[in-house]
Amino acid sequence: MIQKTILIETKRREEMVNITPQIKEFIRSSVKDGRLTIFVPHTTAAVTINENADPSVPRDITFALNQISPKLKEFTHLEGNADAHVKSSLIGCSQEVLIENGELLLGTWQGIFFCEFDGPRTRKAILRLN
């Protein structure tokens, strides 16, 4: 087992940051074949795999999540970020990707995105190879 924590600096309250390049760098220096788990230890952030070729896709995902869980005054969470907690729960805090011949087995258009819902902040993602 090999593990690494990467830091992610977010600049807006909501954004999707493509972390695929950092993950590929970690993979190349670590393992030929295996399984990678990406875990985000935050309750107002998440990680997902989706299209990384068209920048409108992350914007559309963020737009859709805001339709599902808008920031409402009716939320009772004292910190005022209940919508971010809901979005994090919907997307999820972990992903698993297979590795073959030192490469992530992602589809042609897929990338791995850190999803910020309560930024800007310095966040982290934990990468674990098995």
C-alpha atoms as a PDB file:
ATOM      1  CA  MET A   1       0.000   0.000   0.000  1.00  0.00           C
ATOM      2  CA  ILE A   2       1.236   3.474  -0.943  1.00  0.00           C
ATOM      3  CA  GLN A   3      -0.496   6.662   0.161  1.00  0.00           C
ATOM      4  CA  LYS A   4      -0.117  10.354  -0.632  1.00  0.00           C
ATOM      5  CA  THR A   5      -2.077  13.466   0.290  1.00  0.00           C
ATOM      6  CA  ILE A   6      -2.409  16.203  -2.316  1.00  0.00           C
ATOM      7  CA  LEU A   7      -3.443  19.778  -1.527  1.00  0.00           C
ATOM      8  CA  ILE A   8      -6.028  21.617  -3.600  1.00  0.00           C
ATOM      9  CA  GLU A   9      -6.407  25.394  -3.457  1.00  0.00           C
ATOM     10  CA  THR A  10      -9.901  26.483  -4.432  1.00  0.00           C
ATOM     11  CA  LYS A  11     -10.675  30.042  -5.456  1.00  0.00           C
ATOM     12  CA  ARG A  12     -14.492  30.177  -5.472  1.00  0.00           C
ATOM     13  CA  ARG A  13     -17.321  28.961  -3.260  1.00  0.00           C
ATOM     14  CA  GLU A  14     -18.206  26.334  -5.848  1.00  0.00           C
ATOM     15  CA  GLU A  15     -15.844  24.906  -8.418  1.00  0.00           C
ATOM     16  CA  MET A  16     -14.688  21.658  -9.915  1.00  0.00           C
ATOM     17  CA  VAL A  17     -10.904  21.300 -10.063  1.00  0.00           C
ATOM     18  CA  ASN A  18      -9.400  18.752 -12.436  1.00  0.00           C
ATOM     19  CA  ILE A  19      -6.907  16.823 -10.271  1.00  0.00           C
ATOM     20  CA  THR A  20      -6.131  14.183 -12.915  1.00  0.00           C
ATOM     21  CA  PRO A  21      -2.616  15.541 -13.665  1.00  0.00           C
ATOM     22  CA  GLN A  22      -1.526  15.331  -9.990  1.00  0.00           C
ATOM     23  CA  ILE A  23      -2.946  11.821  -9.742  1.00  0.00           C
ATOM     24  CA  LYS A  24      -1.212  10.672 -12.932  1.00  0.00           C
ATOM     25  CA  GLU A  25       2.097  11.997 -11.610  1.00  0.00           C
ATOM     26  CA  PHE A  26       1.620  10.013  -8.391  1.00  0.00           C
ATOM     27  CA  ILE A  27       0.731   6.842 -10.333  1.00  0.00           C
ATOM     28  CA  ARG A  28       3.715   7.058 -12.691  1.00  0.00           C
ATOM     29  CA  SER A  29       6.155   7.166  -9.803  1.00  0.00           C
ATOM     30  CA  SER A  30       4.429   4.509  -7.704  1.00  0.00           C
ATOM     31  CA  VAL A  31       2.886   1.453  -9.356  1.00  0.00           C
ATOM     32  CA  LYS A  32       2.406  -0.457 -12.609  1.00  0.00           C
ATOM     33  CA  ASP A  33      -0.897  -2.233 -11.889  1.00  0.00           C
ATOM     34  CA  GLY A  34      -3.422  -1.930  -9.090  1.00  0.00           C
ATOM     35  CA  ARG A  35      -6.313   0.026  -7.718  1.00  0.00           C
ATOM     36  CA  LEU A  36      -6.375   3.675  -6.674  1.00  0.00           C
ATOM     37  CA  THR A  37      -8.786   5.073  -4.122  1.00  0.00           C
ATOM     38  CA  ILE A  38      -9.275   8.844  -4.016  1.00  0.00           C
ATOM     39  CA  PHE A  39     -10.784   9.994  -0.717  1.00  0.00           C
ATOM     40  CA  VAL A  40     -11.829  13.550   0.195  1.00  0.00           C
ATOM     41  CA  PRO A  41     -11.990  14.018   4.006  1.00  0.00           C
ATOM     42  CA  HIS A  42     -14.328  17.020   3.937  1.00  0.00           C
ATOM     43  CA  THR A  43     -18.091  17.294   4.518  1.00  0.00           C
ATOM     44  CA  THR A  44     -18.591  20.142   2.038  1.00  0.00           C
ATOM     45  CA  ALA A  45     -16.474  18.785  -0.817  1.00  0.00           C
ATOM     46  CA  ALA A  46     -16.506  15.682  -2.996  1.00  0.00           C
ATOM     47  CA  VAL A  47     -14.746  13.837  -5.815  1.00  0.00           C
ATOM     48  CA  THR A  48     -16.201  12.662  -9.113  1.00  0.00           C
ATOM     49  CA  ILE A  49     -15.179  11.305 -12.499  1.00  0.00           C
ATOM     50  CA  ASN A  50     -16.616  13.054 -15.523  1.00  0.00           C
ATOM     51  CA  GLU A  51     -15.778  14.690 -18.850  1.00  0.00           C
ATOM     52  CA  ASN A  52     -12.639  16.827 -18.811  1.00  0.00           C
ATOM     53  CA  ALA A  53     -12.562  17.865 -22.485  1.00  0.00           C
ATOM     54  CA  ASP A  54     -15.309  20.502 -22.441  1.00  0.00           C
ATOM     55  CA  PRO A  55     -15.148  23.094 -19.627  1.00  0.00           C
ATOM     56  CA  SER A  56     -18.900  23.608 -19.850  1.00  0.00           C
ATOM     57  CA  VAL A  57     -19.521  20.153 -18.317  1.00  0.00           C
ATOM     58  CA  PRO A  58     -18.246  21.086 -14.806  1.00  0.00           C
ATOM     59  CA  ARG A  59     -20.212  24.350 -15.020  1.00  0.00           C
ATOM     60  CA  ASP A  60     -23.342  22.436 -16.017  1.00  0.00           C
ATOM     61  CA  ILE A  61     -22.877  19.959 -13.167  1.00  0.00           C
ATOM     62  CA  THR A  62     -22.513  22.827 -10.687  1.00  0.00           C
ATOM     63  CA  PHE A  63     -25.606  24.502 -12.164  1.00  0.00           C
ATOM     64  CA  ALA A  64     -27.634  21.284 -11.849  1.00  0.00           C
ATOM     65  CA  LEU A  65     -26.508  20.734  -8.251  1.00  0.00           C
ATOM     66  CA  ASN A  66     -27.596  24.280  -7.419  1.00  0.00           C
ATOM     67  CA  GLN A  67     -31.038  23.455  -8.821  1.00  0.00           C
ATOM     68  CA  ILE A  68     -31.212  20.343  -6.637  1.00  0.00           C
ATOM     69  CA  SER A  69     -29.805  22.016  -3.510  1.00  0.00           C
ATOM     70  CA  PRO A  70     -29.903  25.816  -3.670  1.00  0.00           C
ATOM     71  CA  LYS A  71     -28.681  27.957  -0.781  1.00  0.00           C
ATOM     72  CA  LEU A  72     -31.934  28.466   1.134  1.00  0.00           C
ATOM     73  CA  LYS A  73     -32.679  30.558   4.209  1.00  0.00           C
ATOM     74  CA  GLU A  74     -34.914  27.709   5.414  1.00  0.00           C
ATOM     75  CA  PHE A  75     -31.897  25.482   6.133  1.00  0.00           C
ATOM     76  CA  THR A  76     -31.270  25.292   9.872  1.00  0.00           C
ATOM     77  CA  HIS A  77     -27.541  24.425   9.895  1.00  0.00           C
ATOM     78  CA  LEU A  78     -25.879  27.215  11.881  1.00  0.00           C
ATOM     79  CA  GLU A  79     -22.868  27.649   9.593  1.00  0.00           C
ATOM     80  CA  GLY A  80     -25.108  28.571   6.635  1.00  0.00           C
ATOM     81  CA  ASN A  81     -23.602  25.972   4.311  1.00  0.00           C
ATOM     82  CA  ALA A  82     -26.213  23.207   4.435  1.00  0.00           C
ATOM     83  CA  ASP A  83     -26.473  23.256   0.630  1.00  0.00           C
ATOM     84  CA  ALA A  84     -22.775  22.352   0.448  1.00  0.00           C
ATOM     85  CA  HIS A  85     -23.305  19.381   2.775  1.00  0.00           C
ATOM     86  CA  VAL A  86     -26.163  18.135   0.599  1.00  0.00           C
ATOM     87  CA  LYS A  87     -24.094  18.461  -2.610  1.00  0.00           C
ATOM     88  CA  SER A  88     -21.180  16.622  -1.004  1.00  0.00           C
ATOM     89  CA  SER A  89     -23.498  13.792   0.033  1.00  0.00           C
ATOM     90  CA  LEU A  90     -24.981  13.562  -3.470  1.00  0.00           C
ATOM     91  CA  ILE A  91     -21.591  13.345  -5.244  1.00  0.00           C
ATOM     92  CA  GLY A  92     -19.698  11.364  -2.597  1.00  0.00           C
ATOM     93  CA  CYS A  93     -16.342  11.540  -0.900  1.00  0.00           C
ATOM     94  CA  SER A  94     -14.481   8.757  -2.747  1.00  0.00           C
ATOM     95  CA  GLN A  95     -13.797   7.209  -6.124  1.00  0.00           C
ATOM     96  CA  GLU A  96     -11.896   4.109  -7.188  1.00  0.00           C
ATOM     97  CA  VAL A  97      -9.944   3.755 -10.431  1.00  0.00           C
ATOM     98  CA  LEU A  98      -8.074   0.763 -11.821  1.00  0.00           C
ATOM     99  CA  ILE A  99      -4.456   1.105 -12.947  1.00  0.00           C
ATOM    100  CA  GLU A 100      -2.908  -0.902 -15.751  1.00  0.00           C
ATOM    101  CA  ASN A 101       0.626  -0.559 -17.115  1.00  0.00           C
ATOM    102  CA  GLY A 102       1.136   2.574 -15.018  1.00  0.00           C
ATOM    103  CA  GLU A 103      -1.932   4.347 -16.442  1.00  0.00           C
ATOM    104  CA  LEU A 104      -5.339   5.190 -15.004  1.00  0.00           C
ATOM    105  CA  LEU A 105      -8.039   3.180 -16.770  1.00  0.00           C
ATOM    106  CA  LEU A 106     -10.196   6.193 -17.539  1.00  0.00           C
ATOM    107  CA  GLY A 107     -12.307   6.655 -20.636  1.00  0.00           C
ATOM    108  CA  THR A 108     -11.107   8.926 -23.423  1.00  0.00           C
ATOM    109  CA  TRP A 109     -12.914  11.993 -22.098  1.00  0.00           C
ATOM    110  CA  GLN A 110     -12.841  11.225 -18.370  1.00  0.00           C
ATOM    111  CA  GLY A 111     -11.009  13.186 -15.709  1.00  0.00           C
ATOM    112  CA  ILE A 112     -11.041  13.173 -11.922  1.00  0.00           C
ATOM    113  CA  PHE A 113     -12.497  16.308 -10.336  1.00  0.00           C
ATOM    114  CA  PHE A 114     -12.290  17.665  -6.823  1.00  0.00           C
ATOM    115  CA  CYS A 115     -15.662  19.324  -6.170  1.00  0.00           C
ATOM    116  CA  GLU A 116     -15.640  22.366  -3.901  1.00  0.00           C
ATOM    117  CA  PHE A 117     -18.983  23.463  -2.470  1.00  0.00           C
ATOM    118  CA  ASP A 118     -17.918  25.796   0.373  1.00  0.00           C
ATOM    119  CA  GLY A 119     -14.747  27.594  -0.676  1.00  0.00           C
ATOM    120  CA  PRO A 120     -12.460  29.167  -1.214  1.00  0.00           C
ATOM    121  CA  ARG A 121     -10.268  26.926   0.936  1.00  0.00           C
ATOM    122  CA  THR A 122      -7.170  24.791   1.039  1.00  0.00           C
ATOM    123  CA  ARG A 123      -8.425  21.224   0.778  1.00  0.00           C
ATOM    124  CA  LYS A 124      -6.891  17.800   0.491  1.00  0.00           C
ATOM    125  CA  ALA A 125      -7.447  14.519  -1.269  1.00  0.00           C
ATOM    126  CA  ILE A 126      -5.910  11.291  -0.056  1.00  0.00           C
ATOM    127  CA  LEU A 127      -4.644   8.910  -2.723  1.00  0.00           C
ATOM    128  CA  ARG A 128      -4.139   5.263  -1.779  1.00  0.00           C
ATOM    129  CA  LEU A 129      -2.757   2.578  -4.057  1.00  0.00           C
ATOM    130  CA  ASN A 130      -3.502  -1.086  -3.458  1.00  0.00           C
END
